[in-house]
N, C-alpha and C. Protein backbone atom coordinates (compact mmCIF):
# COMPACT_ATOMS: atom_id res chain seq x y z
N UNK A 1 0.83 -1.17 -0.02
CA UNK A 1 0.03 0.00 0.01
C UNK A 1 0.83 1.24 0.01
N UNK A 2 1.87 1.29 0.86
CA UNK A 2 2.77 2.44 0.93
C UNK A 2 3.52 2.61 -0.38
N UNK A 3 3.93 1.48 -0.98
CA UNK A 3 4.68 1.53 -2.22
C UNK A 3 3.81 2.18 -3.34
N UNK A 4 2.54 1.89 -3.42
CA UNK A 4 1.67 2.45 -4.41
C UNK A 4 1.57 3.97 -4.18
N UNK A 5 1.46 4.39 -2.90
CA UNK A 5 1.39 5.82 -2.59
C UNK A 5 2.67 6.54 -3.06
N UNK A 6 3.82 5.97 -2.72
CA UNK A 6 5.09 6.54 -3.13
C UNK A 6 5.23 6.69 -4.64
N UNK A 7 4.85 5.60 -5.32
CA UNK A 7 4.93 5.64 -6.81
C UNK A 7 3.92 6.66 -7.36
N UNK A 8 2.77 6.75 -6.81
CA UNK A 8 1.78 7.70 -7.28
C UNK A 8 2.28 9.16 -7.13
N UNK A 9 2.81 9.45 -5.94
CA UNK A 9 3.27 10.85 -5.80
C UNK A 9 4.53 11.11 -6.66
N UNK A 10 5.28 10.03 -6.95
CA UNK A 10 6.44 10.20 -7.90
C UNK A 10 5.93 10.63 -9.27
N UNK A 11 4.82 9.95 -9.70
CA UNK A 11 4.27 10.33 -11.03
C UNK A 11 3.68 11.73 -10.99
N UNK A 12 3.01 12.07 -9.89
CA UNK A 12 2.42 13.42 -9.77
C UNK A 12 3.52 14.49 -9.80
N UNK A 13 4.62 14.20 -9.13
CA UNK A 13 5.76 15.09 -9.13
C UNK A 13 6.28 15.30 -10.56
N UNK A 14 6.40 14.24 -11.31
CA UNK A 14 6.83 14.32 -12.71
C UNK A 14 5.90 15.21 -13.52
N UNK A 15 4.64 15.03 -13.35
CA UNK A 15 3.64 15.82 -14.11
C UNK A 15 3.73 17.29 -13.71
N UNK A 16 3.85 17.52 -12.43
CA UNK A 16 3.91 18.92 -11.93
C UNK A 16 5.10 19.68 -12.44
N UNK A 17 6.32 19.03 -12.30
CA UNK A 17 7.53 19.68 -12.70
C UNK A 17 7.68 19.84 -14.20
N UNK A 18 7.45 18.77 -14.96
CA UNK A 18 7.55 18.81 -16.38
C UNK A 18 6.44 19.70 -16.96
N UNK A 19 5.24 19.58 -16.38
CA UNK A 19 4.13 20.40 -16.81
C UNK A 19 4.41 21.87 -16.66
N UNK A 20 4.93 22.26 -15.48
CA UNK A 20 5.28 23.67 -15.23
C UNK A 20 6.35 24.11 -16.20
N UNK A 21 7.35 23.31 -16.43
CA UNK A 21 8.45 23.65 -17.36
C UNK A 21 7.88 23.82 -18.75
N UNK A 22 7.04 22.94 -19.21
CA UNK A 22 6.49 23.05 -20.57
C UNK A 22 5.63 24.28 -20.68
N UNK A 23 4.76 24.55 -19.68
CA UNK A 23 3.97 25.77 -19.76
C UNK A 23 4.80 27.06 -19.78
N UNK A 24 5.86 27.03 -19.00
CA UNK A 24 6.82 28.18 -19.05
C UNK A 24 7.54 28.24 -20.39
N UNK A 25 7.97 27.19 -20.88
CA UNK A 25 8.73 27.16 -22.16
C UNK A 25 7.85 27.65 -23.34
N UNK A 26 6.54 27.42 -23.25
CA UNK A 26 5.69 27.82 -24.33
C UNK A 26 4.95 29.13 -24.06
N UNK A 27 5.42 29.84 -23.03
CA UNK A 27 4.90 31.14 -22.73
C UNK A 27 3.52 31.16 -22.10
N UNK A 28 3.03 30.12 -21.55
CA UNK A 28 1.74 30.03 -20.98
C UNK A 28 1.68 30.44 -19.51
N UNK A 29 2.88 30.35 -18.88
CA UNK A 29 2.98 30.69 -17.44
C UNK A 29 4.39 31.24 -17.24
N UNK A 30 4.48 32.26 -16.40
CA UNK A 30 5.76 32.89 -16.07
C UNK A 30 6.52 32.13 -15.01
N UNK A 31 7.84 32.16 -15.12
CA UNK A 31 8.65 31.51 -14.08
C UNK A 31 8.52 32.28 -12.78
N UNK A 32 8.07 33.51 -12.83
CA UNK A 32 7.91 34.33 -11.60
C UNK A 32 6.46 34.24 -11.07
N UNK A 33 5.65 33.36 -11.63
CA UNK A 33 4.29 33.24 -11.16
C UNK A 33 4.21 32.37 -9.90
N UNK A 34 3.23 32.64 -9.09
CA UNK A 34 3.04 31.80 -7.89
C UNK A 34 2.78 30.34 -8.29
N UNK A 35 1.95 30.16 -9.30
CA UNK A 35 1.57 28.74 -9.72
C UNK A 35 2.73 27.97 -10.19
N UNK A 36 3.69 28.57 -10.92
CA UNK A 36 4.84 27.92 -11.39
C UNK A 36 5.70 27.44 -10.21
N UNK A 37 5.87 28.37 -9.28
CA UNK A 37 6.73 28.02 -8.10
C UNK A 37 6.02 27.00 -7.20
N UNK A 38 4.69 27.08 -7.06
CA UNK A 38 4.02 26.06 -6.27
C UNK A 38 4.09 24.67 -6.91
N UNK A 39 4.00 24.61 -8.21
CA UNK A 39 4.13 23.34 -8.90
C UNK A 39 5.52 22.73 -8.63
N UNK A 40 6.55 23.59 -8.68
CA UNK A 40 7.88 23.12 -8.42
C UNK A 40 8.08 22.75 -6.97
N UNK A 41 7.45 23.51 -6.06
CA UNK A 41 7.56 23.18 -4.60
C UNK A 41 6.90 21.81 -4.33
N UNK A 42 5.67 21.62 -4.72
CA UNK A 42 5.00 20.36 -4.47
C UNK A 42 5.63 19.24 -5.19
N UNK A 43 5.97 19.44 -6.43
CA UNK A 43 6.68 18.40 -7.20
C UNK A 43 8.00 18.00 -6.54
N UNK A 44 8.75 18.97 -6.08
CA UNK A 44 10.00 18.71 -5.40
C UNK A 44 9.83 17.91 -4.11
N UNK A 45 8.83 18.32 -3.30
CA UNK A 45 8.55 17.59 -2.08
C UNK A 45 8.17 16.16 -2.37
N UNK A 46 7.29 15.95 -3.34
CA UNK A 46 6.86 14.59 -3.74
C UNK A 46 8.04 13.77 -4.23
N UNK A 47 8.92 14.39 -5.01
CA UNK A 47 10.12 13.70 -5.50
C UNK A 47 11.05 13.32 -4.32
N UNK A 48 11.11 14.17 -3.34
CA UNK A 48 12.01 13.86 -2.18
C UNK A 48 11.49 12.55 -1.59
N UNK A 49 10.20 12.48 -1.33
CA UNK A 49 9.64 11.25 -0.73
C UNK A 49 9.94 10.05 -1.59
N UNK A 50 9.68 10.15 -2.89
CA UNK A 50 9.91 9.04 -3.83
C UNK A 50 11.34 8.64 -3.87
N UNK A 51 12.26 9.61 -3.98
CA UNK A 51 13.69 9.25 -4.14
C UNK A 51 14.29 8.71 -2.88
N UNK A 52 13.88 9.18 -1.69
CA UNK A 52 14.37 8.65 -0.43
C UNK A 52 13.88 7.21 -0.34
N UNK A 53 12.60 6.98 -0.64
CA UNK A 53 12.07 5.63 -0.56
C UNK A 53 12.91 4.65 -1.41
N UNK A 54 13.29 5.11 -2.58
CA UNK A 54 14.13 4.27 -3.51
C UNK A 54 15.59 4.33 -3.22
N UNK A 55 15.96 5.03 -2.22
CA UNK A 55 17.39 5.22 -1.79
C UNK A 55 18.21 5.84 -2.91
N UNK A 56 17.57 6.75 -3.64
CA UNK A 56 18.26 7.55 -4.72
C UNK A 56 18.66 8.87 -4.09
N UNK A 57 19.62 8.82 -3.20
CA UNK A 57 20.01 9.98 -2.41
C UNK A 57 20.52 11.19 -3.18
N UNK A 58 21.31 10.95 -4.23
CA UNK A 58 21.71 12.14 -5.02
C UNK A 58 20.51 12.87 -5.61
N UNK A 59 19.53 12.18 -6.10
CA UNK A 59 18.32 12.82 -6.61
C UNK A 59 17.54 13.45 -5.53
N UNK A 60 17.50 12.87 -4.35
CA UNK A 60 16.84 13.48 -3.22
C UNK A 60 17.49 14.82 -2.86
N UNK A 61 18.81 14.87 -2.86
CA UNK A 61 19.48 16.16 -2.58
C UNK A 61 19.19 17.19 -3.61
N UNK A 62 19.15 16.81 -4.88
CA UNK A 62 18.80 17.74 -5.95
C UNK A 62 17.40 18.31 -5.62
N UNK A 63 16.51 17.49 -5.22
CA UNK A 63 15.09 17.91 -4.99
C UNK A 63 15.00 18.73 -3.70
N UNK A 64 15.83 18.53 -2.73
CA UNK A 64 15.88 19.39 -1.55
C UNK A 64 16.26 20.80 -2.01
N UNK A 65 17.27 20.94 -2.87
CA UNK A 65 17.67 22.20 -3.39
C UNK A 65 16.56 22.82 -4.22
N UNK A 66 15.91 22.01 -5.01
CA UNK A 66 14.75 22.45 -5.83
C UNK A 66 13.67 23.14 -4.93
N UNK A 67 13.39 22.45 -3.83
CA UNK A 67 12.40 22.93 -2.90
C UNK A 67 12.80 24.24 -2.27
N UNK A 68 14.12 24.30 -1.89
CA UNK A 68 14.60 25.52 -1.28
C UNK A 68 14.50 26.66 -2.28
N UNK A 69 14.82 26.47 -3.54
CA UNK A 69 14.70 27.49 -4.54
C UNK A 69 13.26 27.95 -4.70
N UNK A 70 12.35 26.99 -4.74
CA UNK A 70 10.91 27.33 -4.95
C UNK A 70 10.40 28.10 -3.71
N UNK A 71 10.78 27.72 -2.50
CA UNK A 71 10.37 28.48 -1.32
C UNK A 71 10.91 29.88 -1.36
N UNK A 72 12.19 29.98 -1.70
CA UNK A 72 12.81 31.31 -1.79
C UNK A 72 12.15 32.18 -2.78
N UNK A 73 11.77 31.62 -3.91
CA UNK A 73 11.08 32.39 -5.00
C UNK A 73 9.68 32.82 -4.52
N UNK A 74 8.98 31.92 -3.81
CA UNK A 74 7.67 32.25 -3.28
C UNK A 74 7.76 33.37 -2.26
N UNK A 75 8.74 33.33 -1.40
CA UNK A 75 8.93 34.40 -0.38
C UNK A 75 9.20 35.73 -1.14
N UNK A 76 10.04 35.67 -2.12
CA UNK A 76 10.38 36.89 -2.89
C UNK A 76 9.11 37.43 -3.57
N UNK A 77 8.28 36.61 -4.08
CA UNK A 77 7.02 36.99 -4.72
C UNK A 77 6.09 37.65 -3.73
N UNK A 78 6.11 37.32 -2.47
CA UNK A 78 5.22 37.90 -1.49
C UNK A 78 5.65 39.29 -1.07
N UNK A 79 6.90 39.60 -1.23
CA UNK A 79 7.42 40.95 -0.84
C UNK A 79 6.92 42.00 -1.79
N UNK A 80 6.44 43.10 -1.21
CA UNK A 80 5.97 44.24 -2.10
C UNK A 80 7.04 44.90 -2.87
């Protein structure tokens, strides 16, 4: 049961991150938009869970950095 959950959030993470990248690349969403950064934040968190479960620690570290960048960008977006 837990394995299915971890695999599901891994696929959701892929859709969120690649989807946000595609929308940005085709000019449908800005990299400075809240939605772009939220997709990266949630996708990164989901990938951390998935990669740690699979003991893919280098990928987990990349996603920790990914999440830190997304959080930093969201904080910057909130400042007037």
